[in-house]
Amino acid sequence: MTEQERMLAGKLFYSGNSELRSLRNRARELLSQYNSTGEDQKELRKNILAELLGTMGTHVFIKPPFRCSYGTNIHIGNHFYANMDCLILDSCPVQIGSNVMFGPRVNVFTDSHPLDPIVRTRKLVYGKPVIIGDRVWIGGGAILCPGVQIGKDSVIGAGSVVTHDIPPRTVAAGNPCRVIRKLTDADTQYWQQMQAEYDADPDICALN
């Protein structure tokens, strides 16, 4: 197996490999272009992201500055928003569903290092995929560690460190991140009522 094949398979690999360095340099060049764009260059941003990322749906917005390792291992659905200072280390695939929101400074890590210090000095690393379900909201400063899955419709509190899977339709927070409670029908009814009040406000509708 090549170093890239080992990397994507979650096996130990040497990140200093020339092919991997070349792929990271490509990502850095594209990120430099992306992070230099202005607010009126939406089409250029879209085109750069399309070249950088593995796959992406429609209405994907990542507010600069943005950082990642390779880009090609990041797959994003429709209607994604990431606030500024998002960092994704994507040695392994990062799968992000549709209608997902990231607060500022969200970090997603697939990369990890051997626990044995002798092996670690060989500069061998490995990764585990991260999967984020549809309609997830991740609060500012949260860290998603290698191998975690966030179930659809869940909310991750600001500053959380997610070390284990989070089930669907829950509110989770803390370090380490843990489930605080499930989202209920009462939550749905409350927020749908708030939305109905918003939609019925004539002044708001006139402005939009």
N, C-alpha and C. Protein backbone atom coordinates (compact mmCIF):
# COMPACT_ATOMS: atom_id res chain seq x y z
N MET A 1 0.84 -1.20 0.00
CA MET A 1 0.00 0.00 0.00
C MET A 1 0.88 1.26 0.00
N THR A 2 0.42 2.30 -0.68
CA THR A 2 1.12 3.57 -0.63
C THR A 2 0.85 4.25 0.70
N GLU A 3 1.63 5.28 1.01
CA GLU A 3 1.39 6.02 2.25
C GLU A 3 -0.01 6.64 2.25
N GLN A 4 -0.46 7.14 1.11
CA GLN A 4 -1.80 7.72 1.03
C GLN A 4 -2.87 6.66 1.25
N GLU A 5 -2.68 5.48 0.67
CA GLU A 5 -3.64 4.39 0.86
C GLU A 5 -3.68 3.96 2.32
N ARG A 6 -2.52 3.89 2.96
CA ARG A 6 -2.47 3.55 4.38
C ARG A 6 -3.17 4.61 5.21
N MET A 7 -2.93 5.88 4.87
CA MET A 7 -3.56 6.99 5.59
C MET A 7 -5.07 6.89 5.54
N LEU A 8 -5.62 6.70 4.35
CA LEU A 8 -7.07 6.67 4.19
C LEU A 8 -7.69 5.42 4.82
N ALA A 9 -6.89 4.36 4.96
CA ALA A 9 -7.39 3.12 5.56
C ALA A 9 -7.29 3.12 7.08
N GLY A 10 -6.75 4.20 7.65
CA GLY A 10 -6.64 4.28 9.10
C GLY A 10 -5.46 3.51 9.66
N LYS A 11 -4.49 3.16 8.80
CA LYS A 11 -3.29 2.45 9.25
C LYS A 11 -2.18 3.47 9.56
N LEU A 12 -1.12 3.00 10.22
CA LEU A 12 0.02 3.87 10.44
C LEU A 12 0.61 4.30 9.11
N PHE A 13 0.96 5.59 9.01
CA PHE A 13 1.59 6.10 7.80
C PHE A 13 2.60 7.18 8.19
N TYR A 14 3.51 7.46 7.25
CA TYR A 14 4.53 8.48 7.48
C TYR A 14 4.09 9.76 6.78
N SER A 15 3.76 10.79 7.56
CA SER A 15 3.20 12.01 6.99
C SER A 15 4.23 12.82 6.22
N GLY A 16 5.53 12.52 6.41
CA GLY A 16 6.58 13.23 5.69
C GLY A 16 6.81 12.71 4.29
N ASN A 17 6.04 11.72 3.88
CA ASN A 17 6.14 11.17 2.53
C ASN A 17 5.97 12.26 1.49
N SER A 18 6.76 12.19 0.42
CA SER A 18 6.78 13.27 -0.58
C SER A 18 5.42 13.46 -1.25
N GLU A 19 4.71 12.38 -1.52
CA GLU A 19 3.39 12.50 -2.16
C GLU A 19 2.42 13.23 -1.24
N LEU A 20 2.44 12.89 0.04
CA LEU A 20 1.54 13.54 0.98
C LEU A 20 1.93 15.00 1.19
N ARG A 21 3.22 15.28 1.22
CA ARG A 21 3.65 16.68 1.33
C ARG A 21 3.15 17.49 0.15
N SER A 22 3.22 16.90 -1.04
CA SER A 22 2.74 17.58 -2.24
C SER A 22 1.24 17.87 -2.15
N LEU A 23 0.47 16.92 -1.64
CA LEU A 23 -0.98 17.11 -1.50
C LEU A 23 -1.29 18.20 -0.48
N ARG A 24 -0.52 18.24 0.61
CA ARG A 24 -0.73 19.28 1.61
C ARG A 24 -0.34 20.65 1.07
N ASN A 25 0.72 20.70 0.28
CA ASN A 25 1.13 21.97 -0.32
C ASN A 25 0.05 22.49 -1.27
N ARG A 26 -0.56 21.58 -2.03
CA ARG A 26 -1.66 21.97 -2.91
C ARG A 26 -2.78 22.60 -2.10
N ALA A 27 -3.13 21.96 -0.98
CA ALA A 27 -4.20 22.49 -0.13
C ALA A 27 -3.83 23.87 0.42
N ARG A 28 -2.57 24.04 0.83
CA ARG A 28 -2.15 25.32 1.38
C ARG A 28 -2.24 26.44 0.34
N GLU A 29 -1.89 26.13 -0.89
CA GLU A 29 -1.99 27.12 -1.96
C GLU A 29 -3.44 27.55 -2.17
N LEU A 30 -4.34 26.58 -2.23
CA LEU A 30 -5.75 26.90 -2.42
C LEU A 30 -6.32 27.65 -1.22
N LEU A 31 -5.91 27.25 -0.01
CA LEU A 31 -6.38 27.93 1.20
C LEU A 31 -5.87 29.37 1.25
N SER A 32 -4.64 29.58 0.81
CA SER A 32 -4.11 30.94 0.77
C SER A 32 -4.95 31.82 -0.16
N GLN A 33 -5.32 31.27 -1.31
CA GLN A 33 -6.18 32.00 -2.23
C GLN A 33 -7.54 32.28 -1.59
N TYR A 34 -8.11 31.23 -0.97
CA TYR A 34 -9.44 31.35 -0.38
C TYR A 34 -9.46 32.39 0.74
N ASN A 35 -8.48 32.32 1.61
CA ASN A 35 -8.45 33.21 2.77
C ASN A 35 -8.11 34.65 2.41
N SER A 36 -7.67 34.86 1.17
CA SER A 36 -7.37 36.22 0.70
C SER A 36 -8.55 36.86 -0.02
N THR A 37 -9.64 36.12 -0.19
CA THR A 37 -10.78 36.66 -0.93
C THR A 37 -11.56 37.65 -0.07
N GLY A 38 -12.29 38.54 -0.75
CA GLY A 38 -13.14 39.50 -0.07
C GLY A 38 -14.59 39.05 -0.03
N GLU A 39 -15.40 39.77 0.72
CA GLU A 39 -16.80 39.40 0.90
C GLU A 39 -17.60 39.46 -0.39
N ASP A 40 -17.12 40.22 -1.37
CA ASP A 40 -17.84 40.36 -2.64
C ASP A 40 -17.37 39.33 -3.67
N GLN A 41 -16.53 38.38 -3.27
CA GLN A 41 -16.00 37.38 -4.20
C GLN A 41 -16.59 36.00 -3.93
N LYS A 42 -17.89 35.95 -3.81
CA LYS A 42 -18.58 34.70 -3.45
C LYS A 42 -18.37 33.61 -4.50
N GLU A 43 -18.42 33.97 -5.78
CA GLU A 43 -18.26 32.98 -6.83
C GLU A 43 -16.86 32.40 -6.83
N LEU A 44 -15.85 33.25 -6.60
CA LEU A 44 -14.48 32.78 -6.52
C LEU A 44 -14.31 31.84 -5.35
N ARG A 45 -14.87 32.19 -4.20
CA ARG A 45 -14.80 31.30 -3.03
C ARG A 45 -15.41 29.94 -3.35
N LYS A 46 -16.56 29.96 -3.99
CA LYS A 46 -17.23 28.71 -4.36
C LYS A 46 -16.36 27.86 -5.25
N ASN A 47 -15.71 28.48 -6.23
CA ASN A 47 -14.87 27.74 -7.16
C ASN A 47 -13.63 27.16 -6.48
N ILE A 48 -13.04 27.92 -5.56
CA ILE A 48 -11.87 27.41 -4.84
C ILE A 48 -12.26 26.24 -3.95
N LEU A 49 -13.38 26.36 -3.25
CA LEU A 49 -13.82 25.25 -2.40
C LEU A 49 -14.10 24.00 -3.23
N ALA A 50 -14.70 24.18 -4.40
CA ALA A 50 -15.00 23.04 -5.27
C ALA A 50 -13.73 22.32 -5.68
N GLU A 51 -12.65 23.07 -5.88
CA GLU A 51 -11.36 22.47 -6.23
C GLU A 51 -10.68 21.85 -5.02
N LEU A 52 -10.85 22.47 -3.86
CA LEU A 52 -10.17 22.02 -2.64
C LEU A 52 -10.79 20.77 -2.03
N LEU A 53 -12.12 20.76 -1.91
CA LEU A 53 -12.81 19.72 -1.16
C LEU A 53 -13.04 18.46 -2.00
N GLY A 54 -13.23 17.35 -1.30
CA GLY A 54 -13.54 16.10 -1.99
C GLY A 54 -14.86 16.20 -2.72
N THR A 55 -15.92 16.51 -1.99
CA THR A 55 -17.24 16.76 -2.57
C THR A 55 -17.94 17.81 -1.72
N MET A 56 -18.83 18.57 -2.35
CA MET A 56 -19.65 19.51 -1.59
C MET A 56 -20.97 19.74 -2.32
N GLY A 57 -22.02 19.98 -1.55
CA GLY A 57 -23.32 20.23 -2.11
C GLY A 57 -23.51 21.71 -2.45
N THR A 58 -24.76 22.12 -2.47
CA THR A 58 -25.07 23.51 -2.78
C THR A 58 -25.12 24.35 -1.51
N HIS A 59 -24.91 25.65 -1.67
CA HIS A 59 -25.00 26.60 -0.56
C HIS A 59 -24.04 26.24 0.59
N VAL A 60 -22.80 26.02 0.23
CA VAL A 60 -21.74 25.75 1.21
C VAL A 60 -20.97 27.04 1.45
N PHE A 61 -20.93 27.50 2.69
CA PHE A 61 -20.23 28.74 3.02
C PHE A 61 -19.30 28.50 4.20
N ILE A 62 -18.03 28.77 4.00
CA ILE A 62 -17.03 28.68 5.06
C ILE A 62 -16.37 30.04 5.17
N LYS A 63 -16.57 30.69 6.30
CA LYS A 63 -16.06 32.05 6.47
C LYS A 63 -14.55 32.02 6.71
N PRO A 64 -13.77 32.72 5.89
CA PRO A 64 -12.32 32.76 6.12
C PRO A 64 -11.99 33.41 7.46
N PRO A 65 -10.85 33.05 8.07
CA PRO A 65 -9.90 32.06 7.56
C PRO A 65 -10.32 30.62 7.85
N PHE A 66 -9.92 29.74 6.94
CA PHE A 66 -10.22 28.31 7.03
C PHE A 66 -8.92 27.56 6.84
N ARG A 67 -8.74 26.46 7.59
CA ARG A 67 -7.55 25.63 7.46
C ARG A 67 -7.95 24.16 7.39
N CYS A 68 -7.21 23.40 6.58
CA CYS A 68 -7.38 21.94 6.55
C CYS A 68 -6.06 21.33 6.10
N SER A 69 -5.96 20.00 6.19
CA SER A 69 -4.71 19.32 5.80
C SER A 69 -4.64 19.05 4.31
N TYR A 70 -5.69 18.40 3.80
CA TYR A 70 -5.71 17.97 2.40
C TYR A 70 -6.91 18.53 1.63
N GLY A 71 -8.04 18.64 2.30
CA GLY A 71 -9.25 19.11 1.64
C GLY A 71 -9.98 18.03 0.89
N THR A 72 -9.24 17.19 0.17
CA THR A 72 -9.87 16.17 -0.67
C THR A 72 -10.59 15.10 0.14
N ASN A 73 -10.31 15.01 1.43
CA ASN A 73 -10.97 14.01 2.27
C ASN A 73 -12.16 14.58 3.04
N ILE A 74 -12.54 15.81 2.70
CA ILE A 74 -13.69 16.46 3.33
C ILE A 74 -14.88 16.41 2.37
N HIS A 75 -16.00 15.92 2.88
CA HIS A 75 -17.21 15.77 2.06
C HIS A 75 -18.37 16.44 2.79
N ILE A 76 -18.99 17.43 2.13
CA ILE A 76 -20.00 18.28 2.77
C ILE A 76 -21.29 18.23 1.98
N GLY A 77 -22.42 18.14 2.68
CA GLY A 77 -23.74 18.14 2.05
C GLY A 77 -24.20 19.54 1.69
N ASN A 78 -25.50 19.71 1.56
CA ASN A 78 -26.08 21.00 1.18
C ASN A 78 -26.27 21.91 2.40
N HIS A 79 -26.25 23.21 2.15
CA HIS A 79 -26.58 24.21 3.17
C HIS A 79 -25.70 24.05 4.41
N PHE A 80 -24.40 24.20 4.21
CA PHE A 80 -23.44 24.13 5.31
C PHE A 80 -22.89 25.51 5.58
N TYR A 81 -22.77 25.86 6.87
CA TYR A 81 -22.18 27.13 7.26
C TYR A 81 -21.13 26.88 8.34
N ALA A 82 -19.93 27.39 8.13
CA ALA A 82 -18.89 27.36 9.16
C ALA A 82 -18.41 28.78 9.41
N ASN A 83 -18.45 29.21 10.63
CA ASN A 83 -17.95 30.52 10.99
C ASN A 83 -16.42 30.52 10.94
N MET A 84 -15.82 31.68 11.20
CA MET A 84 -14.38 31.87 11.00
C MET A 84 -13.53 30.96 11.88
N ASP A 85 -12.30 30.74 11.39
CA ASP A 85 -11.27 29.97 12.10
C ASP A 85 -11.59 28.49 12.22
N CYS A 86 -12.33 27.93 11.27
CA CYS A 86 -12.58 26.49 11.25
C CYS A 86 -11.28 25.77 10.87
N LEU A 87 -10.99 24.68 11.58
CA LEU A 87 -9.81 23.87 11.30
C LEU A 87 -10.22 22.41 11.18
N ILE A 88 -9.88 21.77 10.06
CA ILE A 88 -10.19 20.36 9.85
C ILE A 88 -8.91 19.63 9.44
N LEU A 89 -8.47 18.71 10.27
CA LEU A 89 -7.34 17.85 9.94
C LEU A 89 -7.90 16.57 9.35
N ASP A 90 -7.77 16.45 8.03
CA ASP A 90 -8.50 15.40 7.31
C ASP A 90 -7.59 14.35 6.69
N SER A 91 -6.77 13.71 7.52
CA SER A 91 -6.01 12.57 7.02
C SER A 91 -6.95 11.43 6.66
N CYS A 92 -8.02 11.29 7.41
CA CYS A 92 -9.09 10.35 7.10
C CYS A 92 -10.34 11.14 6.71
N PRO A 93 -11.33 10.49 6.11
CA PRO A 93 -12.52 11.21 5.66
C PRO A 93 -13.26 11.93 6.78
N VAL A 94 -13.73 13.12 6.46
CA VAL A 94 -14.64 13.88 7.31
C VAL A 94 -15.94 14.04 6.52
N GLN A 95 -17.00 13.42 7.00
CA GLN A 95 -18.29 13.43 6.32
C GLN A 95 -19.23 14.36 7.08
N ILE A 96 -19.68 15.43 6.43
CA ILE A 96 -20.56 16.42 7.05
C ILE A 96 -21.88 16.42 6.29
N GLY A 97 -22.99 16.23 7.01
CA GLY A 97 -24.29 16.15 6.38
C GLY A 97 -24.81 17.50 5.90
N SER A 98 -26.10 17.53 5.60
CA SER A 98 -26.75 18.76 5.12
C SER A 98 -27.33 19.56 6.27
N ASN A 99 -27.42 20.88 6.04
CA ASN A 99 -27.98 21.79 7.03
C ASN A 99 -27.23 21.74 8.37
N VAL A 100 -25.91 21.67 8.26
CA VAL A 100 -25.03 21.64 9.43
C VAL A 100 -24.45 23.03 9.64
N MET A 101 -24.30 23.45 10.90
CA MET A 101 -23.72 24.74 11.23
C MET A 101 -22.57 24.57 12.22
N PHE A 102 -21.46 25.26 11.95
CA PHE A 102 -20.32 25.33 12.87
C PHE A 102 -20.21 26.74 13.42
N GLY A 103 -20.04 26.89 14.72
CA GLY A 103 -19.69 28.17 15.30
C GLY A 103 -18.24 28.49 14.99
N PRO A 104 -17.75 29.65 15.45
CA PRO A 104 -16.35 30.02 15.20
C PRO A 104 -15.38 29.08 15.92
N ARG A 105 -14.24 28.86 15.27
CA ARG A 105 -13.13 28.10 15.84
C ARG A 105 -13.48 26.66 16.18
N VAL A 106 -14.33 26.06 15.40
CA VAL A 106 -14.59 24.62 15.55
C VAL A 106 -13.43 23.85 14.95
N ASN A 107 -12.95 22.84 15.69
CA ASN A 107 -11.84 22.00 15.24
C ASN A 107 -12.33 20.56 15.05
N VAL A 108 -12.01 19.99 13.90
CA VAL A 108 -12.34 18.59 13.61
C VAL A 108 -11.03 17.86 13.34
N PHE A 109 -10.71 16.87 14.17
CA PHE A 109 -9.44 16.15 14.05
C PHE A 109 -9.70 14.70 13.68
N THR A 110 -9.10 14.23 12.59
CA THR A 110 -9.08 12.79 12.33
C THR A 110 -7.71 12.20 12.68
N ASP A 111 -6.71 13.04 12.85
CA ASP A 111 -5.34 12.60 13.05
C ASP A 111 -5.06 12.24 14.50
N SER A 112 -4.24 11.21 14.70
CA SER A 112 -3.81 10.85 16.05
C SER A 112 -2.40 10.26 15.98
N HIS A 113 -1.83 10.01 17.17
CA HIS A 113 -0.45 9.53 17.26
C HIS A 113 -0.40 8.29 18.14
N PRO A 114 0.55 7.39 17.89
CA PRO A 114 0.69 6.18 18.71
C PRO A 114 0.93 6.52 20.18
N LEU A 115 0.38 5.71 21.07
CA LEU A 115 0.61 5.92 22.50
C LEU A 115 2.03 5.52 22.88
N ASP A 116 2.61 4.57 22.19
CA ASP A 116 3.97 4.14 22.50
C ASP A 116 4.98 5.21 22.06
N PRO A 117 5.83 5.68 22.97
CA PRO A 117 6.74 6.78 22.63
C PRO A 117 7.79 6.41 21.60
N ILE A 118 8.22 5.15 21.56
CA ILE A 118 9.24 4.75 20.59
C ILE A 118 8.67 4.78 19.18
N VAL A 119 7.46 4.24 19.03
CA VAL A 119 6.81 4.27 17.72
C VAL A 119 6.53 5.71 17.31
N ARG A 120 6.16 6.52 18.30
CA ARG A 120 5.82 7.92 18.01
C ARG A 120 7.02 8.69 17.47
N THR A 121 8.24 8.35 17.95
CA THR A 121 9.42 9.05 17.47
C THR A 121 9.74 8.74 16.01
N ARG A 122 9.15 7.68 15.46
CA ARG A 122 9.30 7.37 14.04
C ARG A 122 8.47 8.31 13.18
N LYS A 123 7.70 9.19 13.83
CA LYS A 123 6.82 10.14 13.13
C LYS A 123 5.75 9.41 12.31
N LEU A 124 5.36 8.25 12.82
CA LEU A 124 4.24 7.52 12.23
C LEU A 124 2.95 7.98 12.89
N VAL A 125 1.94 8.24 12.11
CA VAL A 125 0.65 8.71 12.61
C VAL A 125 -0.45 7.86 11.99
N TYR A 126 -1.67 8.06 12.48
CA TYR A 126 -2.82 7.35 11.91
C TYR A 126 -4.06 8.22 12.11
N GLY A 127 -5.14 7.83 11.48
CA GLY A 127 -6.37 8.62 11.61
C GLY A 127 -7.61 7.75 11.72
N LYS A 128 -8.69 8.39 12.13
CA LYS A 128 -10.00 7.75 12.18
C LYS A 128 -11.03 8.73 11.62
N PRO A 129 -11.97 8.26 10.80
CA PRO A 129 -12.95 9.16 10.18
C PRO A 129 -13.85 9.84 11.22
N VAL A 130 -14.35 11.01 10.87
CA VAL A 130 -15.34 11.74 11.67
C VAL A 130 -16.59 11.91 10.82
N ILE A 131 -17.74 11.60 11.40
CA ILE A 131 -19.02 11.69 10.68
C ILE A 131 -19.96 12.60 11.46
N ILE A 132 -20.53 13.58 10.76
CA ILE A 132 -21.46 14.54 11.37
C ILE A 132 -22.78 14.44 10.61
N GLY A 133 -23.85 14.13 11.31
CA GLY A 133 -25.15 13.91 10.67
C GLY A 133 -25.83 15.19 10.23
N ASP A 134 -26.96 15.04 9.55
CA ASP A 134 -27.73 16.18 9.08
C ASP A 134 -28.25 17.03 10.24
N ARG A 135 -28.36 18.33 9.97
CA ARG A 135 -29.00 19.29 10.87
C ARG A 135 -28.33 19.36 12.25
N VAL A 136 -27.03 19.18 12.28
CA VAL A 136 -26.26 19.29 13.53
C VAL A 136 -25.76 20.72 13.68
N TRP A 137 -25.78 21.21 14.90
CA TRP A 137 -25.20 22.52 15.23
C TRP A 137 -24.07 22.29 16.23
N ILE A 138 -22.87 22.75 15.87
CA ILE A 138 -21.70 22.60 16.74
C ILE A 138 -21.26 23.99 17.20
N GLY A 139 -21.28 24.20 18.50
CA GLY A 139 -20.99 25.51 19.06
C GLY A 139 -19.53 25.90 18.94
N GLY A 140 -19.28 27.20 19.08
CA GLY A 140 -17.95 27.76 18.92
C GLY A 140 -16.91 27.11 19.82
N GLY A 141 -15.72 26.89 19.26
CA GLY A 141 -14.60 26.36 20.03
C GLY A 141 -14.67 24.88 20.34
N ALA A 142 -15.68 24.18 19.83
CA ALA A 142 -15.78 22.74 20.09
C ALA A 142 -14.68 21.99 19.34
N ILE A 143 -14.27 20.85 19.92
CA ILE A 143 -13.25 19.99 19.32
C ILE A 143 -13.85 18.61 19.12
N LEU A 144 -13.79 18.11 17.88
CA LEU A 144 -14.25 16.76 17.58
C LEU A 144 -13.02 15.89 17.38
N CYS A 145 -12.86 14.88 18.22
CA CYS A 145 -11.67 14.03 18.20
C CYS A 145 -11.81 12.90 17.18
N PRO A 146 -10.70 12.25 16.84
CA PRO A 146 -10.72 11.22 15.80
C PRO A 146 -11.73 10.10 16.08
N GLY A 147 -12.47 9.73 15.03
CA GLY A 147 -13.36 8.58 15.11
C GLY A 147 -14.75 8.83 15.63
N VAL A 148 -15.10 10.06 16.01
CA VAL A 148 -16.41 10.29 16.60
C VAL A 148 -17.48 10.44 15.52
N GLN A 149 -18.71 10.11 15.91
CA GLN A 149 -19.88 10.32 15.07
C GLN A 149 -20.88 11.17 15.85
N ILE A 150 -21.41 12.20 15.20
CA ILE A 150 -22.43 13.06 15.81
C ILE A 150 -23.75 12.74 15.13
N GLY A 151 -24.72 12.25 15.89
CA GLY A 151 -26.01 11.87 15.33
C GLY A 151 -26.80 13.06 14.83
N LYS A 152 -27.65 12.83 13.86
CA LYS A 152 -28.40 13.91 13.23
C LYS A 152 -29.27 14.65 14.24
N ASP A 153 -29.48 15.94 13.97
CA ASP A 153 -30.34 16.82 14.77
C ASP A 153 -29.77 17.16 16.14
N SER A 154 -28.52 16.80 16.41
CA SER A 154 -27.95 17.06 17.74
C SER A 154 -27.30 18.44 17.81
N VAL A 155 -27.10 18.89 19.05
CA VAL A 155 -26.46 20.17 19.33
C VAL A 155 -25.26 19.90 20.25
N ILE A 156 -24.10 20.42 19.86
CA ILE A 156 -22.89 20.29 20.67
C ILE A 156 -22.56 21.66 21.25
N GLY A 157 -22.50 21.76 22.57
CA GLY A 157 -22.27 23.03 23.24
C GLY A 157 -20.91 23.63 22.96
N ALA A 158 -20.82 24.95 23.05
CA ALA A 158 -19.56 25.66 22.81
C ALA A 158 -18.47 25.16 23.75
N GLY A 159 -17.28 25.01 23.21
CA GLY A 159 -16.12 24.60 24.01
C GLY A 159 -16.07 23.13 24.36
N SER A 160 -16.98 22.32 23.84
CA SER A 160 -16.99 20.90 24.17
C SER A 160 -15.84 20.16 23.51
N VAL A 161 -15.39 19.09 24.15
CA VAL A 161 -14.39 18.19 23.57
C VAL A 161 -15.06 16.84 23.39
N VAL A 162 -15.36 16.51 22.13
CA VAL A 162 -16.14 15.30 21.83
C VAL A 162 -15.18 14.14 21.63
N THR A 163 -15.18 13.20 22.57
CA THR A 163 -14.27 12.05 22.51
C THR A 163 -15.01 10.75 22.21
N HIS A 164 -16.34 10.77 22.28
CA HIS A 164 -17.15 9.58 22.02
C HIS A 164 -18.35 9.96 21.14
N ASP A 165 -18.98 8.97 20.55
CA ASP A 165 -20.14 9.21 19.70
C ASP A 165 -21.26 9.89 20.48
N ILE A 166 -21.98 10.78 19.80
CA ILE A 166 -23.13 11.47 20.38
C ILE A 166 -24.37 11.00 19.63
N PRO A 167 -25.39 10.50 20.35
CA PRO A 167 -26.57 9.96 19.67
C PRO A 167 -27.41 11.06 19.01
N PRO A 168 -28.29 10.68 18.10
CA PRO A 168 -29.14 11.66 17.42
C PRO A 168 -30.05 12.41 18.38
N ARG A 169 -30.42 13.61 17.97
CA ARG A 169 -31.45 14.42 18.63
C ARG A 169 -31.20 14.58 20.13
N THR A 170 -29.98 15.00 20.44
CA THR A 170 -29.63 15.25 21.84
C THR A 170 -28.87 16.57 21.94
N VAL A 171 -28.84 17.11 23.16
CA VAL A 171 -27.98 18.26 23.48
C VAL A 171 -26.83 17.71 24.31
N ALA A 172 -25.59 17.96 23.86
CA ALA A 172 -24.42 17.44 24.55
C ALA A 172 -23.40 18.56 24.73
N ALA A 173 -22.68 18.50 25.86
CA ALA A 173 -21.70 19.55 26.14
C ALA A 173 -20.71 19.06 27.17
N GLY A 174 -19.59 19.79 27.29
CA GLY A 174 -18.63 19.52 28.34
C GLY A 174 -17.32 18.96 27.84
N ASN A 175 -16.39 18.75 28.78
CA ASN A 175 -15.09 18.17 28.50
C ASN A 175 -14.79 17.09 29.54
N PRO A 176 -14.96 15.80 29.16
CA PRO A 176 -15.38 15.33 27.85
C PRO A 176 -16.88 15.58 27.62
N CYS A 177 -17.25 15.70 26.35
CA CYS A 177 -18.63 15.99 25.98
C CYS A 177 -19.54 14.82 26.38
N ARG A 178 -20.67 15.16 27.00
CA ARG A 178 -21.64 14.12 27.38
C ARG A 178 -23.04 14.63 27.09
N VAL A 179 -23.96 13.71 26.95
CA VAL A 179 -25.34 14.06 26.66
C VAL A 179 -25.96 14.73 27.88
N ILE A 180 -26.51 15.93 27.68
CA ILE A 180 -27.20 16.65 28.75
C ILE A 180 -28.68 16.23 28.80
N ARG A 181 -29.31 16.18 27.63
CA ARG A 181 -30.69 15.74 27.56
C ARG A 181 -31.07 15.45 26.12
N LYS A 182 -32.18 14.78 25.95
CA LYS A 182 -32.73 14.54 24.63
C LYS A 182 -33.56 15.74 24.19
N LEU A 183 -33.62 15.98 22.89
CA LEU A 183 -34.54 16.97 22.35
C LEU A 183 -35.92 16.33 22.26
N THR A 184 -36.95 17.06 22.71
CA THR A 184 -38.29 16.50 22.84
C THR A 184 -39.29 17.18 21.91
N ASP A 185 -40.50 16.65 21.89
CA ASP A 185 -41.58 17.28 21.13
C ASP A 185 -41.87 18.69 21.66
N ALA A 186 -41.67 18.88 22.96
CA ALA A 186 -41.88 20.21 23.54
C ALA A 186 -40.90 21.23 22.95
N ASP A 187 -39.66 20.81 22.72
CA ASP A 187 -38.69 21.69 22.07
C ASP A 187 -39.16 22.06 20.67
N THR A 188 -39.62 21.06 19.94
CA THR A 188 -40.10 21.30 18.57
C THR A 188 -41.26 22.28 18.57
N GLN A 189 -42.24 22.06 19.46
CA GLN A 189 -43.42 22.92 19.52
C GLN A 189 -43.03 24.35 19.88
N TYR A 190 -42.12 24.50 20.85
CA TYR A 190 -41.71 25.83 21.27
C TYR A 190 -41.07 26.60 20.13
N TRP A 191 -40.11 25.97 19.45
CA TRP A 191 -39.37 26.67 18.41
C TRP A 191 -40.19 26.87 17.15
N GLN A 192 -41.13 25.98 16.89
CA GLN A 192 -42.01 26.21 15.75
C GLN A 192 -42.98 27.36 16.03
N GLN A 193 -43.39 27.51 17.29
CA GLN A 193 -44.22 28.65 17.66
C GLN A 193 -43.45 29.96 17.54
N MET A 194 -42.18 29.94 17.96
CA MET A 194 -41.34 31.12 17.82
C MET A 194 -41.17 31.49 16.34
N GLN A 195 -41.01 30.46 15.50
CA GLN A 195 -40.88 30.70 14.06
C GLN A 195 -42.17 31.27 13.49
N ALA A 196 -43.31 30.75 13.94
CA ALA A 196 -44.60 31.25 13.45
C ALA A 196 -44.79 32.71 13.81
N GLU A 197 -44.38 33.09 15.02
CA GLU A 197 -44.48 34.49 15.44
C GLU A 197 -43.59 35.37 14.58
N TYR A 198 -42.40 34.87 14.27
CA TYR A 198 -41.48 35.62 13.41
C TYR A 198 -42.11 35.82 12.02
N ASP A 199 -42.61 34.73 11.45
CA ASP A 199 -43.19 34.81 10.10
C ASP A 199 -44.41 35.71 10.05
N ALA A 200 -45.12 35.85 11.18
CA ALA A 200 -46.33 36.66 11.21
C ALA A 200 -46.06 38.14 11.46
N ASP A 201 -44.82 38.50 11.78
CA ASP A 201 -44.49 39.89 12.06
C ASP A 201 -44.43 40.67 10.76
N PRO A 202 -45.33 41.63 10.54
CA PRO A 202 -45.38 42.34 9.25
C PRO A 202 -44.14 43.19 8.99
N ASP A 203 -43.54 43.72 10.06
CA ASP A 203 -42.36 44.56 9.88
C ASP A 203 -41.16 43.73 9.39
N ILE A 204 -41.00 42.53 9.97
CA ILE A 204 -39.93 41.66 9.55
C ILE A 204 -40.12 41.23 8.12
N CYS A 205 -41.34 40.83 7.78
CA CYS A 205 -41.62 40.38 6.40
C CYS A 205 -41.34 41.49 5.40
N ALA A 206 -41.66 42.74 5.78
CA ALA A 206 -41.44 43.87 4.87
C ALA A 206 -39.96 44.08 4.63
N LEU A 207 -39.15 43.89 5.67
CA LEU A 207 -37.70 44.08 5.54
C LEU A 207 -37.09 43.02 4.66
N ASN A 208 -37.62 41.79 4.70
CA ASN A 208 -37.05 40.70 3.93
C ASN A 208 -37.62 40.62 2.53
